Amino acid sequence: VTNGSALIQFRPGAFAVGEAVQPVILRYGTRPLDVSGAVRGYEVFLYAMLQPANSLSVEFLSPAVPSQAELSDPRLFAGNVRAAMAAALGVPCTNHSYEDAWLAAVAHE
């Protein structure tokens, strides 16, 4: 739902378990069409099919092991993992959620 210019908030569910997580970042090619702007599932497929070439790189970051403070606060753990991923991508973090991004996209229509 996002356009790749920032990382939105992560939901804390996967971080509440208290186990290490494996951050993975995806980098999509942006020429001539950017599929990250698609709102609905079929749009991603359509945009991908309209591109003469598609590129995607997958980067596995170092596993994130929760500290004692992060074990008791999954939101802190999620925020720290998100900050590391944003730094690797070279984009800022935003305090918007998936729902905020979805509502903005729907309102734009």
N, C-alpha and C. Protein backbone atom coordinates (compact mmCIF):
# COMPACT_ATOMS: atom_id res chain seq x y z
N VAL A 1 0.82 -1.18 0.00
CA VAL A 1 0.00 0.00 0.00
C VAL A 1 0.87 1.25 0.00
N THR A 2 2.03 1.19 0.56
CA THR A 2 2.87 2.38 0.60
C THR A 2 3.63 2.53 -0.71
N ASN A 3 4.20 3.71 -0.92
CA ASN A 3 4.90 3.97 -2.18
C ASN A 3 6.41 3.81 -2.07
N GLY A 4 6.90 3.29 -0.98
CA GLY A 4 8.32 3.04 -0.83
C GLY A 4 9.12 4.23 -0.34
N SER A 5 8.46 5.33 0.00
CA SER A 5 9.19 6.53 0.44
C SER A 5 9.43 6.54 1.94
N ALA A 6 8.79 5.65 2.70
CA ALA A 6 8.97 5.56 4.16
C ALA A 6 8.47 4.20 4.63
N LEU A 7 8.91 3.80 5.82
CA LEU A 7 8.40 2.56 6.41
C LEU A 7 7.32 2.90 7.43
N ILE A 8 6.14 2.29 7.25
CA ILE A 8 5.04 2.51 8.18
C ILE A 8 5.25 1.66 9.43
N GLN A 9 4.40 1.85 10.43
CA GLN A 9 4.52 1.10 11.67
C GLN A 9 4.31 -0.39 11.43
N PHE A 10 5.03 -1.21 12.19
CA PHE A 10 4.85 -2.65 12.15
C PHE A 10 3.86 -3.03 13.25
N ARG A 11 3.05 -4.01 12.99
CA ARG A 11 2.17 -4.55 14.03
C ARG A 11 3.04 -5.36 14.99
N PRO A 12 2.75 -5.32 16.28
CA PRO A 12 3.64 -5.96 17.26
C PRO A 12 3.49 -7.48 17.39
N GLY A 13 2.49 -8.09 16.74
CA GLY A 13 2.23 -9.51 16.94
C GLY A 13 3.43 -10.42 16.77
N ALA A 14 4.16 -10.28 15.68
CA ALA A 14 5.31 -11.15 15.42
C ALA A 14 6.45 -10.88 16.40
N PHE A 15 6.44 -9.73 17.02
CA PHE A 15 7.51 -9.35 17.93
C PHE A 15 7.18 -9.71 19.37
N ALA A 16 5.92 -10.04 19.64
CA ALA A 16 5.48 -10.36 21.00
C ALA A 16 5.93 -11.74 21.46
N VAL A 17 6.35 -12.57 20.53
CA VAL A 17 6.78 -13.93 20.85
C VAL A 17 8.07 -13.93 21.65
N GLY A 18 8.88 -12.89 21.47
CA GLY A 18 10.14 -12.81 22.20
C GLY A 18 11.28 -13.56 21.57
N GLU A 19 11.15 -13.92 20.32
CA GLU A 19 12.20 -14.63 19.59
C GLU A 19 12.86 -13.70 18.57
N ALA A 20 14.00 -14.12 18.09
CA ALA A 20 14.70 -13.35 17.06
C ALA A 20 13.86 -13.31 15.79
N VAL A 21 13.98 -12.21 15.05
CA VAL A 21 13.30 -12.09 13.76
C VAL A 21 14.33 -11.86 12.67
N GLN A 22 13.99 -12.25 11.46
CA GLN A 22 14.87 -12.09 10.31
C GLN A 22 14.34 -10.96 9.43
N PRO A 23 14.90 -9.74 9.55
CA PRO A 23 14.44 -8.65 8.68
C PRO A 23 14.86 -8.90 7.23
N VAL A 24 13.93 -8.68 6.33
CA VAL A 24 14.17 -8.84 4.89
C VAL A 24 13.66 -7.58 4.20
N ILE A 25 14.48 -6.99 3.36
CA ILE A 25 14.03 -5.81 2.62
C ILE A 25 13.99 -6.15 1.13
N LEU A 26 13.00 -5.58 0.47
CA LEU A 26 12.81 -5.78 -0.96
C LEU A 26 13.02 -4.46 -1.67
N ARG A 27 13.76 -4.50 -2.74
CA ARG A 27 13.96 -3.31 -3.57
C ARG A 27 13.43 -3.62 -4.96
N TYR A 28 12.42 -2.84 -5.36
CA TYR A 28 11.82 -3.02 -6.68
C TYR A 28 12.43 -2.02 -7.65
N GLY A 29 12.55 -2.45 -8.89
CA GLY A 29 12.94 -1.52 -9.94
C GLY A 29 11.82 -0.51 -10.13
N THR A 30 12.17 0.71 -10.47
CA THR A 30 11.13 1.74 -10.57
C THR A 30 10.99 2.28 -11.99
N ARG A 31 11.55 1.64 -12.98
CA ARG A 31 11.43 2.12 -14.35
C ARG A 31 10.86 1.05 -15.23
N PRO A 32 9.91 1.29 -16.07
CA PRO A 32 9.21 2.55 -16.29
C PRO A 32 8.01 2.74 -15.37
N LEU A 33 7.47 1.64 -14.78
CA LEU A 33 6.34 1.73 -13.87
C LEU A 33 6.73 1.18 -12.52
N ASP A 34 6.19 1.79 -11.46
CA ASP A 34 6.50 1.37 -10.09
C ASP A 34 5.30 0.60 -9.54
N VAL A 35 5.46 -0.70 -9.31
CA VAL A 35 4.34 -1.52 -8.82
C VAL A 35 4.00 -1.23 -7.36
N SER A 36 4.86 -0.54 -6.63
CA SER A 36 4.56 -0.28 -5.22
C SER A 36 3.40 0.70 -5.06
N GLY A 37 2.99 1.37 -6.13
CA GLY A 37 1.87 2.29 -6.06
C GLY A 37 0.52 1.62 -6.22
N ALA A 38 0.51 0.33 -6.48
CA ALA A 38 -0.75 -0.39 -6.68
C ALA A 38 -1.48 -0.56 -5.35
N VAL A 39 -2.78 -0.38 -5.38
CA VAL A 39 -3.59 -0.48 -4.17
C VAL A 39 -4.23 -1.85 -4.06
N ARG A 40 -4.72 -2.37 -5.14
CA ARG A 40 -5.41 -3.66 -5.13
C ARG A 40 -4.49 -4.73 -5.73
N GLY A 41 -4.75 -5.97 -5.36
CA GLY A 41 -3.91 -7.07 -5.82
C GLY A 41 -3.81 -7.17 -7.33
N TYR A 42 -4.92 -7.00 -8.02
CA TYR A 42 -4.88 -7.12 -9.47
C TYR A 42 -4.04 -6.02 -10.11
N GLU A 43 -3.95 -4.85 -9.45
CA GLU A 43 -3.14 -3.76 -10.00
C GLU A 43 -1.65 -4.13 -10.00
N VAL A 44 -1.20 -4.82 -8.97
CA VAL A 44 0.20 -5.26 -8.93
C VAL A 44 0.48 -6.15 -10.12
N PHE A 45 -0.41 -7.11 -10.35
CA PHE A 45 -0.24 -8.01 -11.49
C PHE A 45 -0.26 -7.25 -12.80
N LEU A 46 -1.21 -6.33 -12.95
CA LEU A 46 -1.33 -5.55 -14.17
C LEU A 46 -0.08 -4.70 -14.40
N TYR A 47 0.36 -3.99 -13.37
CA TYR A 47 1.56 -3.15 -13.50
C TYR A 47 2.78 -4.00 -13.87
N ALA A 48 2.91 -5.14 -13.23
CA ALA A 48 4.05 -6.01 -13.53
C ALA A 48 4.02 -6.51 -14.96
N MET A 49 2.83 -6.83 -15.46
CA MET A 49 2.72 -7.33 -16.83
C MET A 49 2.97 -6.24 -17.86
N LEU A 50 2.73 -4.98 -17.50
CA LEU A 50 2.93 -3.87 -18.42
C LEU A 50 4.39 -3.42 -18.51
N GLN A 51 5.21 -3.87 -17.60
CA GLN A 51 6.61 -3.48 -17.63
C GLN A 51 7.38 -4.39 -18.58
N PRO A 52 8.26 -3.79 -19.40
CA PRO A 52 9.07 -4.62 -20.30
C PRO A 52 10.07 -5.49 -19.53
N ALA A 53 10.47 -5.05 -18.36
CA ALA A 53 11.39 -5.83 -17.53
C ALA A 53 11.06 -5.54 -16.07
N ASN A 54 11.15 -6.54 -15.24
CA ASN A 54 10.89 -6.40 -13.81
C ASN A 54 12.15 -6.77 -13.05
N SER A 55 12.45 -5.99 -12.02
CA SER A 55 13.61 -6.34 -11.19
C SER A 55 13.21 -6.27 -9.73
N LEU A 56 13.79 -7.15 -8.97
CA LEU A 56 13.56 -7.21 -7.54
C LEU A 56 14.83 -7.74 -6.90
N SER A 57 15.29 -7.04 -5.88
CA SER A 57 16.42 -7.57 -5.12
C SER A 57 15.96 -7.80 -3.69
N VAL A 58 16.41 -8.89 -3.13
CA VAL A 58 16.04 -9.28 -1.77
C VAL A 58 17.30 -9.22 -0.93
N GLU A 59 17.23 -8.50 0.19
CA GLU A 59 18.38 -8.38 1.08
C GLU A 59 17.99 -8.85 2.48
N PHE A 60 18.73 -9.83 2.99
CA PHE A 60 18.51 -10.33 4.34
C PHE A 60 19.43 -9.56 5.28
N LEU A 61 18.85 -8.85 6.23
CA LEU A 61 19.64 -8.15 7.23
C LEU A 61 20.01 -9.11 8.35
N SER A 62 20.87 -8.68 9.23
CA SER A 62 21.24 -9.53 10.38
C SER A 62 20.01 -9.81 11.23
N PRO A 63 19.89 -11.04 11.73
CA PRO A 63 18.75 -11.33 12.61
C PRO A 63 18.73 -10.39 13.81
N ALA A 64 17.53 -9.99 14.19
CA ALA A 64 17.36 -9.10 15.34
C ALA A 64 16.95 -9.93 16.55
N VAL A 65 17.78 -9.91 17.58
CA VAL A 65 17.51 -10.63 18.81
C VAL A 65 17.02 -9.61 19.84
N PRO A 66 15.87 -9.85 20.47
CA PRO A 66 15.34 -8.85 21.40
C PRO A 66 16.18 -8.71 22.67
N SER A 67 16.33 -7.46 23.09
CA SER A 67 16.99 -7.19 24.37
C SER A 67 15.98 -7.43 25.50
N GLN A 68 16.43 -7.28 26.74
CA GLN A 68 15.50 -7.46 27.87
C GLN A 68 14.36 -6.45 27.79
N ALA A 69 14.68 -5.20 27.45
CA ALA A 69 13.65 -4.17 27.34
C ALA A 69 12.67 -4.51 26.22
N GLU A 70 13.19 -5.03 25.11
CA GLU A 70 12.34 -5.38 23.97
C GLU A 70 11.47 -6.60 24.25
N LEU A 71 11.97 -7.51 25.11
CA LEU A 71 11.17 -8.68 25.48
C LEU A 71 9.90 -8.27 26.21
N SER A 72 9.99 -7.22 27.01
CA SER A 72 8.82 -6.77 27.76
C SER A 72 7.98 -5.74 27.00
N ASP A 73 8.49 -5.27 25.86
CA ASP A 73 7.76 -4.27 25.08
C ASP A 73 7.88 -4.60 23.59
N PRO A 74 6.94 -5.39 23.05
CA PRO A 74 7.00 -5.78 21.63
C PRO A 74 6.98 -4.58 20.68
N ARG A 75 6.32 -3.49 21.07
CA ARG A 75 6.29 -2.29 20.21
C ARG A 75 7.68 -1.67 20.09
N LEU A 76 8.44 -1.71 21.17
CA LEU A 76 9.82 -1.21 21.13
C LEU A 76 10.65 -2.09 20.20
N PHE A 77 10.51 -3.39 20.32
CA PHE A 77 11.23 -4.33 19.46
C PHE A 77 10.87 -4.09 17.99
N ALA A 78 9.57 -3.97 17.71
CA ALA A 78 9.12 -3.72 16.34
C ALA A 78 9.69 -2.41 15.81
N GLY A 79 9.68 -1.37 16.65
CA GLY A 79 10.21 -0.07 16.24
C GLY A 79 11.69 -0.11 15.95
N ASN A 80 12.44 -0.86 16.75
CA ASN A 80 13.89 -0.95 16.53
C ASN A 80 14.23 -1.73 15.26
N VAL A 81 13.47 -2.79 14.99
CA VAL A 81 13.68 -3.55 13.76
C VAL A 81 13.31 -2.68 12.55
N ARG A 82 12.22 -1.96 12.67
CA ARG A 82 11.79 -1.07 11.58
C ARG A 82 12.84 0.00 11.32
N ALA A 83 13.43 0.56 12.38
CA ALA A 83 14.46 1.59 12.21
C ALA A 83 15.68 1.02 11.50
N ALA A 84 16.06 -0.21 11.82
CA ALA A 84 17.21 -0.84 11.15
C ALA A 84 16.90 -1.08 9.67
N MET A 85 15.68 -1.50 9.38
CA MET A 85 15.30 -1.73 7.99
C MET A 85 15.24 -0.42 7.21
N ALA A 86 14.72 0.62 7.84
CA ALA A 86 14.65 1.93 7.18
C ALA A 86 16.05 2.46 6.88
N ALA A 87 16.97 2.28 7.82
CA ALA A 87 18.35 2.72 7.60
C ALA A 87 18.97 1.98 6.42
N ALA A 88 18.73 0.67 6.34
CA ALA A 88 19.27 -0.12 5.22
C ALA A 88 18.66 0.31 3.89
N LEU A 89 17.40 0.70 3.91
CA LEU A 89 16.72 1.15 2.68
C LEU A 89 17.03 2.61 2.34
N GLY A 90 17.48 3.36 3.35
CA GLY A 90 17.74 4.78 3.13
C GLY A 90 16.46 5.61 3.08
N VAL A 91 15.45 5.18 3.84
CA VAL A 91 14.18 5.91 3.90
C VAL A 91 13.85 6.19 5.37
N PRO A 92 13.01 7.19 5.63
CA PRO A 92 12.63 7.47 7.02
C PRO A 92 11.51 6.54 7.49
N CYS A 93 11.27 6.56 8.78
CA CYS A 93 10.11 5.88 9.36
C CYS A 93 8.99 6.90 9.49
N THR A 94 7.76 6.44 9.39
CA THR A 94 6.60 7.30 9.62
C THR A 94 5.72 6.66 10.68
N ASN A 95 5.01 7.46 11.42
CA ASN A 95 4.13 6.93 12.46
C ASN A 95 2.77 6.51 11.93
N HIS A 96 2.63 6.46 10.62
CA HIS A 96 1.38 6.01 10.02
C HIS A 96 1.33 4.48 10.05
N SER A 97 0.12 3.96 10.04
CA SER A 97 -0.09 2.52 10.04
C SER A 97 -0.53 2.06 8.65
N TYR A 98 -0.66 0.76 8.48
CA TYR A 98 -1.18 0.20 7.24
C TYR A 98 -2.57 0.74 6.97
N GLU A 99 -3.38 0.82 8.03
CA GLU A 99 -4.75 1.31 7.87
C GLU A 99 -4.75 2.76 7.40
N ASP A 100 -3.84 3.59 7.93
CA ASP A 100 -3.74 4.98 7.49
C ASP A 100 -3.43 5.07 6.00
N ALA A 101 -2.47 4.24 5.57
CA ALA A 101 -2.07 4.25 4.16
C ALA A 101 -3.22 3.77 3.28
N TRP A 102 -3.94 2.74 3.73
CA TRP A 102 -5.07 2.22 2.96
C TRP A 102 -6.17 3.26 2.85
N LEU A 103 -6.50 3.92 3.97
CA LEU A 103 -7.54 4.93 3.94
C LEU A 103 -7.16 6.11 3.03
N ALA A 104 -5.89 6.49 3.05
CA ALA A 104 -5.44 7.57 2.17
C ALA A 104 -5.59 7.18 0.70
N ALA A 105 -5.25 5.92 0.38
CA ALA A 105 -5.37 5.45 -1.00
C ALA A 105 -6.82 5.42 -1.43
N VAL A 106 -7.71 4.96 -0.56
CA VAL A 106 -9.14 4.89 -0.89
C VAL A 106 -9.71 6.31 -1.03
N ALA A 107 -9.30 7.20 -0.15
CA ALA A 107 -9.78 8.58 -0.21
C ALA A 107 -9.31 9.28 -1.48
N HIS A 108 -8.14 8.88 -1.98
CA HIS A 108 -7.59 9.48 -3.19
C HIS A 108 -8.46 9.15 -4.41
N GLU A 109 -9.09 7.98 -4.36
CA GLU A 109 -9.95 7.55 -5.47
C GLU A 109 -11.14 8.46 -5.50
